[in-house]
Amino acid sequence: MRTTDLDISKLSLGERIQLAEDLWDSVAAETGGLPLTEAQTADLDHRLAELARDPDVGDPWEVVRGRVQERLDKAG
């Protein structure tokens, strides 16, 4: 399939983001995930240490996802 076979310009912003997520998930499923860089690993280690020090830091995923979805709905 050529990329021109799919006219993504007709998709809303939210639909294009969902398409990108679906594409990424399909790649990860086939490759078993992609390796993290040293910087990504260090960042995750830092965040996990911060969470261990203060379990109440940050917002639950459901709250963050809701905020993102609201922004997508307004944009799209």
PDB file of N, CA and C in Angstrom:
ATOM      1  N   MET A   1       0.847  -1.186   0.000  1.00  0.00           N
ATOM      2  CA  MET A   1       0.000   0.000   0.000  1.00  0.00           C
ATOM      3  C   MET A   1       0.884   1.239   0.000  1.00  0.00           C
ATOM      4  N   ARG A   2       0.556   2.139  -0.827  1.00  0.00           N
ATOM      5  CA  ARG A   2       1.255   3.418  -0.847  1.00  0.00           C
ATOM      6  C   ARG A   2       0.593   4.342   0.164  1.00  0.00           C
ATOM      7  N   THR A   3       1.364   5.251   0.736  1.00  0.00           N
ATOM      8  CA  THR A   3       0.782   6.175   1.714  1.00  0.00           C
ATOM      9  C   THR A   3      -0.257   7.079   1.078  1.00  0.00           C
ATOM     10  N   THR A   4      -0.193   7.253  -0.242  1.00  0.00           N
ATOM     11  CA  THR A   4      -1.178   8.093  -0.903  1.00  0.00           C
ATOM     12  C   THR A   4      -2.528   7.388  -1.043  1.00  0.00           C
ATOM     13  N   ASP A   5      -2.563   6.065  -0.796  1.00  0.00           N
ATOM     14  CA  ASP A   5      -3.824   5.327  -0.842  1.00  0.00           C
ATOM     15  C   ASP A   5      -4.735   5.706   0.320  1.00  0.00           C
ATOM     16  N   LEU A   6      -4.189   6.264   1.349  1.00  0.00           N
ATOM     17  CA  LEU A   6      -4.943   6.673   2.519  1.00  0.00           C
ATOM     18  C   LEU A   6      -4.820   8.182   2.654  1.00  0.00           C
ATOM     19  N   ASP A   7      -5.915   8.886   2.483  1.00  0.00           N
ATOM     20  CA  ASP A   7      -5.894  10.347   2.570  1.00  0.00           C
ATOM     21  C   ASP A   7      -6.114  10.763   4.020  1.00  0.00           C
ATOM     22  N   ILE A   8      -5.014  10.884   4.765  1.00  0.00           N
ATOM     23  CA  ILE A   8      -5.132  11.203   6.187  1.00  0.00           C
ATOM     24  C   ILE A   8      -5.586  12.636   6.432  1.00  0.00           C
ATOM     25  N   SER A   9      -5.544  13.463   5.405  1.00  0.00           N
ATOM     26  CA  SER A   9      -5.977  14.853   5.589  1.00  0.00           C
ATOM     27  C   SER A   9      -7.476  14.943   5.884  1.00  0.00           C
ATOM     28  N   LYS A  10      -8.208  13.895   5.579  1.00  0.00           N
ATOM     29  CA  LYS A  10      -9.650  13.878   5.843  1.00  0.00           C
ATOM     30  C   LYS A  10      -9.973  13.415   7.267  1.00  0.00           C
ATOM     31  N   LEU A  11      -8.960  12.984   7.996  1.00  0.00           N
ATOM     32  CA  LEU A  11      -9.157  12.543   9.375  1.00  0.00           C
ATOM     33  C   LEU A  11      -9.060  13.734  10.320  1.00  0.00           C
ATOM     34  N   SER A  12      -9.805  13.661  11.414  1.00  0.00           N
ATOM     35  CA  SER A  12      -9.696  14.706  12.437  1.00  0.00           C
ATOM     36  C   SER A  12      -8.360  14.553  13.162  1.00  0.00           C
ATOM     37  N   LEU A  13      -8.002  15.542  13.934  1.00  0.00           N
ATOM     38  CA  LEU A  13      -6.763  15.474  14.705  1.00  0.00           C
ATOM     39  C   LEU A  13      -6.772  14.255  15.612  1.00  0.00           C
ATOM     40  N   GLY A  14      -7.868  14.044  16.302  1.00  0.00           N
ATOM     41  CA  GLY A  14      -7.963  12.892  17.201  1.00  0.00           C
ATOM     42  C   GLY A  14      -7.814  11.573  16.456  1.00  0.00           C
ATOM     43  N   GLU A  15      -8.420  11.482  15.264  1.00  0.00           N
ATOM     44  CA  GLU A  15      -8.314  10.258  14.474  1.00  0.00           C
ATOM     45  C   GLU A  15      -6.887  10.026  13.986  1.00  0.00           C
ATOM     46  N   ARG A  16      -6.195  11.098  13.617  1.00  0.00           N
ATOM     47  CA  ARG A  16      -4.801  10.963  13.186  1.00  0.00           C
ATOM     48  C   ARG A  16      -3.912  10.530  14.344  1.00  0.00           C
ATOM     49  N   ILE A  17      -4.158  11.083  15.534  1.00  0.00           N
ATOM     50  CA  ILE A  17      -3.377  10.671  16.701  1.00  0.00           C
ATOM     51  C   ILE A  17      -3.651   9.205  17.011  1.00  0.00           C
ATOM     52  N   GLN A  18      -4.923   8.803  16.938  1.00  0.00           N
ATOM     53  CA  GLN A  18      -5.262   7.406  17.187  1.00  0.00           C
ATOM     54  C   GLN A  18      -4.602   6.500  16.151  1.00  0.00           C
ATOM     55  N   LEU A  19      -4.562   6.922  14.902  1.00  0.00           N
ATOM     56  CA  LEU A  19      -3.900   6.156  13.853  1.00  0.00           C
ATOM     57  C   LEU A  19      -2.414   5.987  14.169  1.00  0.00           C
ATOM     58  N   ALA A  20      -1.776   7.071  14.599  1.00  0.00           N
ATOM     59  CA  ALA A  20      -0.355   7.002  14.951  1.00  0.00           C
ATOM     60  C   ALA A  20      -0.137   6.037  16.112  1.00  0.00           C
ATOM     61  N   GLU A  21      -1.010   6.081  17.106  1.00  0.00           N
ATOM     62  CA  GLU A  21      -0.902   5.162  18.242  1.00  0.00           C
ATOM     63  C   GLU A  21      -1.097   3.717  17.788  1.00  0.00           C
ATOM     64  N   ASP A  22      -2.084   3.489  16.929  1.00  0.00           N
ATOM     65  CA  ASP A  22      -2.340   2.137  16.431  1.00  0.00           C
ATOM     66  C   ASP A  22      -1.163   1.612  15.620  1.00  0.00           C
ATOM     67  N   LEU A  23      -0.574   2.479  14.795  1.00  0.00           N
ATOM     68  CA  LEU A  23       0.608   2.077  14.029  1.00  0.00           C
ATOM     69  C   LEU A  23       1.755   1.712  14.959  1.00  0.00           C
ATOM     70  N   TRP A  24       1.982   2.562  15.957  1.00  0.00           N
ATOM     71  CA  TRP A  24       3.072   2.306  16.904  1.00  0.00           C
ATOM     72  C   TRP A  24       2.841   0.995  17.651  1.00  0.00           C
ATOM     73  N   ASP A  25       1.611   0.772  18.102  1.00  0.00           N
ATOM     74  CA  ASP A  25       1.299  -0.467  18.818  1.00  0.00           C
ATOM     75  C   ASP A  25       1.531  -1.684  17.938  1.00  0.00           C
ATOM     76  N   SER A  26       1.202  -1.581  16.646  1.00  0.00           N
ATOM     77  CA  SER A  26       1.397  -2.720  15.753  1.00  0.00           C
ATOM     78  C   SER A  26       2.884  -3.004  15.543  1.00  0.00           C
ATOM     79  N   VAL A  27       3.696  -1.963  15.480  1.00  0.00           N
ATOM     80  CA  VAL A  27       5.142  -2.146  15.351  1.00  0.00           C
ATOM     81  C   VAL A  27       5.704  -2.778  16.619  1.00  0.00           C
ATOM     82  N   ALA A  28       5.302  -2.260  17.769  1.00  0.00           N
ATOM     83  CA  ALA A  28       5.792  -2.794  19.042  1.00  0.00           C
ATOM     84  C   ALA A  28       5.389  -4.248  19.227  1.00  0.00           C
ATOM     85  N   ALA A  29       4.182  -4.608  18.784  1.00  0.00           N
ATOM     86  CA  ALA A  29       3.713  -5.984  18.927  1.00  0.00           C
ATOM     87  C   ALA A  29       4.571  -6.944  18.106  1.00  0.00           C
ATOM     88  N   GLU A  30       5.022  -6.487  16.958  1.00  0.00           N
ATOM     89  CA  GLU A  30       5.821  -7.348  16.090  1.00  0.00           C
ATOM     90  C   GLU A  30       7.281  -7.412  16.516  1.00  0.00           C
ATOM     91  N   THR A  31       7.779  -6.354  17.123  1.00  0.00           N
ATOM     92  CA  THR A  31       9.197  -6.327  17.487  1.00  0.00           C
ATOM     93  C   THR A  31       9.425  -6.694  18.941  1.00  0.00           C
ATOM     94  N   GLY A  32       8.340  -6.850  19.700  1.00  0.00           N
ATOM     95  CA  GLY A  32       8.498  -7.133  21.115  1.00  0.00           C
ATOM     96  C   GLY A  32       8.908  -5.902  21.899  1.00  0.00           C
ATOM     97  N   GLY A  33       8.660  -4.759  21.349  1.00  0.00           N
ATOM     98  CA  GLY A  33       9.049  -3.508  22.002  1.00  0.00           C
ATOM     99  C   GLY A  33      10.393  -3.052  21.479  1.00  0.00           C
ATOM    100  N   LEU A  34      10.641  -1.796  21.603  1.00  0.00           N
ATOM    101  CA  LEU A  34      11.902  -1.239  21.143  1.00  0.00           C
ATOM    102  C   LEU A  34      12.769  -0.914  22.348  1.00  0.00           C
ATOM    103  N   PRO A  35      14.069  -1.088  22.216  1.00  0.00           N
ATOM    104  CA  PRO A  35      14.952  -0.808  23.352  1.00  0.00           C
ATOM    105  C   PRO A  35      14.953   0.680  23.707  1.00  0.00           C
ATOM    106  N   LEU A  36      15.105   0.951  24.991  1.00  0.00           N
ATOM    107  CA  LEU A  36      15.193   2.331  25.466  1.00  0.00           C
ATOM    108  C   LEU A  36      16.624   2.830  25.351  1.00  0.00           C
ATOM    109  N   THR A  37      16.747   4.128  25.152  1.00  0.00           N
ATOM    110  CA  THR A  37      18.078   4.731  25.163  1.00  0.00           C
ATOM    111  C   THR A  37      18.533   4.841  26.616  1.00  0.00           C
ATOM    112  N   GLU A  38      19.798   5.137  26.807  1.00  0.00           N
ATOM    113  CA  GLU A  38      20.316   5.329  28.169  1.00  0.00           C
ATOM    114  C   GLU A  38      19.606   6.501  28.844  1.00  0.00           C
ATOM    115  N   ALA A  39      19.338   7.560  28.088  1.00  0.00           N
ATOM    116  CA  ALA A  39      18.658   8.729  28.649  1.00  0.00           C
ATOM    117  C   ALA A  39      17.230   8.379  29.069  1.00  0.00           C
ATOM    118  N   GLN A  40      16.539   7.595  28.266  1.00  0.00           N
ATOM    119  CA  GLN A  40      15.173   7.186  28.615  1.00  0.00           C
ATOM    120  C   GLN A  40      15.175   6.313  29.864  1.00  0.00           C
ATOM    121  N   THR A  41      16.122   5.392  29.936  1.00  0.00           N
ATOM    122  CA  THR A  41      16.230   4.520  31.102  1.00  0.00           C
ATOM    123  C   THR A  41      16.527   5.343  32.352  1.00  0.00           C
ATOM    124  N   ALA A  42      17.431   6.313  32.247  1.00  0.00           N
ATOM    125  CA  ALA A  42      17.769   7.167  33.386  1.00  0.00           C
ATOM    126  C   ALA A  42      16.553   7.976  33.825  1.00  0.00           C
ATOM    127  N   ASP A  43      15.792   8.500  32.857  1.00  0.00           N
ATOM    128  CA  ASP A  43      14.599   9.282  33.181  1.00  0.00           C
ATOM    129  C   ASP A  43      13.564   8.412  33.898  1.00  0.00           C
ATOM    130  N   LEU A  44      13.344   7.214  33.406  1.00  0.00           N
ATOM    131  CA  LEU A  44      12.392   6.313  34.064  1.00  0.00           C
ATOM    132  C   LEU A  44      12.852   5.947  35.473  1.00  0.00           C
ATOM    133  N   ASP A  45      14.145   5.669  35.631  1.00  0.00           N
ATOM    134  CA  ASP A  45      14.680   5.367  36.961  1.00  0.00           C
ATOM    135  C   ASP A  45      14.466   6.531  37.916  1.00  0.00           C
ATOM    136  N   HIS A  46      14.694   7.754  37.417  1.00  0.00           N
ATOM    137  CA  HIS A  46      14.490   8.956  38.228  1.00  0.00           C
ATOM    138  C   HIS A  46      13.026   9.079  38.641  1.00  0.00           C
ATOM    139  N   ARG A  47      12.122   8.864  37.709  1.00  0.00           N
ATOM    140  CA  ARG A  47      10.691   8.978  38.006  1.00  0.00           C
ATOM    141  C   ARG A  47      10.238   7.906  38.987  1.00  0.00           C
ATOM    142  N   LEU A  48      10.753   6.686  38.834  1.00  0.00           N
ATOM    143  CA  LEU A  48      10.396   5.613  39.766  1.00  0.00           C
ATOM    144  C   LEU A  48      10.904   5.912  41.167  1.00  0.00           C
ATOM    145  N   ALA A  49      12.122   6.474  41.261  1.00  0.00           N
ATOM    146  CA  ALA A  49      12.675   6.841  42.566  1.00  0.00           C
ATOM    147  C   ALA A  49      11.837   7.941  43.200  1.00  0.00           C
ATOM    148  N   GLU A  50      11.400   8.910  42.392  1.00  0.00           N
ATOM    149  CA  GLU A  50      10.552   9.994  42.892  1.00  0.00           C
ATOM    150  C   GLU A  50       9.220   9.444  43.397  1.00  0.00           C
ATOM    151  N   LEU A  51       8.664   8.503  42.669  1.00  0.00           N
ATOM    152  CA  LEU A  51       7.407   7.876  43.077  1.00  0.00           C
ATOM    153  C   LEU A  51       7.584   7.088  44.375  1.00  0.00           C
ATOM    154  N   ALA A  52       8.723   6.413  44.527  1.00  0.00           N
ATOM    155  CA  ALA A  52       8.984   5.655  45.753  1.00  0.00           C
ATOM    156  C   ALA A  52       9.095   6.588  46.950  1.00  0.00           C
ATOM    157  N   ARG A  53       9.695   7.785  46.751  1.00  0.00           N
ATOM    158  CA  ARG A  53       9.826   8.760  47.830  1.00  0.00           C
ATOM    159  C   ARG A  53       8.480   9.372  48.206  1.00  0.00           C
ATOM    160  N   ASP A  54       7.634   9.604  47.200  1.00  0.00           N
ATOM    161  CA  ASP A  54       6.344  10.253  47.437  1.00  0.00           C
ATOM    162  C   ASP A  54       5.293   9.611  46.529  1.00  0.00           C
ATOM    163  N   PRO A  55       4.611   8.573  47.016  1.00  0.00           N
ATOM    164  CA  PRO A  55       3.641   7.850  46.195  1.00  0.00           C
ATOM    165  C   PRO A  55       2.470   8.716  45.699  1.00  0.00           C
ATOM    166  N   ASP A  56       2.248   9.872  46.308  1.00  0.00           N
ATOM    167  CA  ASP A  56       1.146  10.735  45.904  1.00  0.00           C
ATOM    168  C   ASP A  56       1.544  11.748  44.836  1.00  0.00           C
ATOM    169  N   VAL A  57       2.803  11.709  44.383  1.00  0.00           N
ATOM    170  CA  VAL A  57       3.258  12.655  43.376  1.00  0.00           C
ATOM    171  C   VAL A  57       2.559  12.363  42.047  1.00  0.00           C
ATOM    172  N   GLY A  58       2.212  13.409  41.342  1.00  0.00           N
ATOM    173  CA  GLY A  58       1.596  13.243  40.029  1.00  0.00           C
ATOM    174  C   GLY A  58       0.118  12.924  40.107  1.00  0.00           C
ATOM    175  N   ASP A  59      -0.442  12.652  38.935  1.00  0.00           N
ATOM    176  CA  ASP A  59      -1.862  12.333  38.821  1.00  0.00           C
ATOM    177  C   ASP A  59      -2.027  10.914  38.311  1.00  0.00           C
ATOM    178  N   PRO A  60      -3.125  10.270  38.670  1.00  0.00           N
ATOM    179  CA  PRO A  60      -3.386   8.934  38.137  1.00  0.00           C
ATOM    180  C   PRO A  60      -3.578   8.985  36.615  1.00  0.00           C
ATOM    181  N   TRP A  61      -3.288   7.873  35.959  1.00  0.00           N
ATOM    182  CA  TRP A  61      -3.389   7.802  34.508  1.00  0.00           C
ATOM    183  C   TRP A  61      -4.780   8.204  34.021  1.00  0.00           C
ATOM    184  N   GLU A  62      -5.814   7.796  34.703  1.00  0.00           N
ATOM    185  CA  GLU A  62      -7.175   8.104  34.280  1.00  0.00           C
ATOM    186  C   GLU A  62      -7.397   9.623  34.213  1.00  0.00           C
ATOM    187  N   VAL A  63      -6.833  10.352  35.162  1.00  0.00           N
ATOM    188  CA  VAL A  63      -6.974  11.808  35.194  1.00  0.00           C
ATOM    189  C   VAL A  63      -6.207  12.430  34.027  1.00  0.00           C
ATOM    190  N   VAL A  64      -4.982  11.984  33.820  1.00  0.00           N
ATOM    191  CA  VAL A  64      -4.155  12.513  32.728  1.00  0.00           C
ATOM    192  C   VAL A  64      -4.808  12.203  31.387  1.00  0.00           C
ATOM    193  N   ARG A  65      -5.248  10.974  31.225  1.00  0.00           N
ATOM    194  CA  ARG A  65      -5.898  10.582  29.964  1.00  0.00           C
ATOM    195  C   ARG A  65      -7.137  11.437  29.704  1.00  0.00           C
ATOM    196  N   GLY A  66      -7.905  11.728  30.757  1.00  0.00           N
ATOM    197  CA  GLY A  66      -9.082  12.579  30.615  1.00  0.00           C
ATOM    198  C   GLY A  66      -8.724  13.973  30.137  1.00  0.00           C
ATOM    199  N   ARG A  67      -7.650  14.546  30.696  1.00  0.00           N
ATOM    200  CA  ARG A  67      -7.209  15.876  30.263  1.00  0.00           C
ATOM    201  C   ARG A  67      -6.774  15.864  28.807  1.00  0.00           C
ATOM    202  N   VAL A  68      -6.035  14.829  28.420  1.00  0.00           N
ATOM    203  CA  VAL A  68      -5.591  14.721  27.036  1.00  0.00           C
ATOM    204  C   VAL A  68      -6.790  14.580  26.109  1.00  0.00           C
ATOM    205  N   GLN A  69      -7.743  13.738  26.501  1.00  0.00           N
ATOM    206  CA  GLN A  69      -8.922  13.533  25.662  1.00  0.00           C
ATOM    207  C   GLN A  69      -9.715  14.825  25.501  1.00  0.00           C
ATOM    208  N   GLU A  70      -9.841  15.612  26.577  1.00  0.00           N
ATOM    209  CA  GLU A  70     -10.529  16.899  26.495  1.00  0.00           C
ATOM    210  C   GLU A  70      -9.851  17.817  25.485  1.00  0.00           C
ATOM    211  N   ARG A  71      -8.526  17.858  25.523  1.00  0.00           N
ATOM    212  CA  ARG A  71      -7.781  18.702  24.569  1.00  0.00           C
ATOM    213  C   ARG A  71      -7.987  18.222  23.138  1.00  0.00           C
ATOM    214  N   LEU A  72      -7.968  16.904  22.954  1.00  0.00           N
ATOM    215  CA  LEU A  72      -8.185  16.364  21.619  1.00  0.00           C
ATOM    216  C   LEU A  72      -9.591  16.692  21.118  1.00  0.00           C
ATOM    217  N   ASP A  73     -10.565  16.581  21.995  1.00  0.00           N
ATOM    218  CA  ASP A  73     -11.948  16.866  21.604  1.00  0.00           C
ATOM    219  C   ASP A  73     -12.103  18.324  21.188  1.00  0.00           C
ATOM    220  N   LYS A  74     -11.439  19.218  21.913  1.00  0.00           N
ATOM    221  CA  LYS A  74     -11.523  20.649  21.582  1.00  0.00           C
ATOM    222  C   LYS A  74     -10.804  20.947  20.268  1.00  0.00           C
ATOM    223  N   ALA A  75      -9.697  20.237  20.002  1.00  0.00           N
ATOM    224  CA  ALA A  75      -8.891  20.490  18.813  1.00  0.00           C
ATOM    225  C   ALA A  75      -9.485  19.855  17.551  1.00  0.00           C
ATOM    226  N   GLY A  76     -10.249  18.780  17.762  1.00  0.00           N
ATOM    227  CA  GLY A  76     -10.570  18.004  16.633  1.00  0.00           C
ATOM    228  C   GLY A  76     -11.799  17.986  15.947  1.00  0.00           C
TER     229      GLY A  76
END
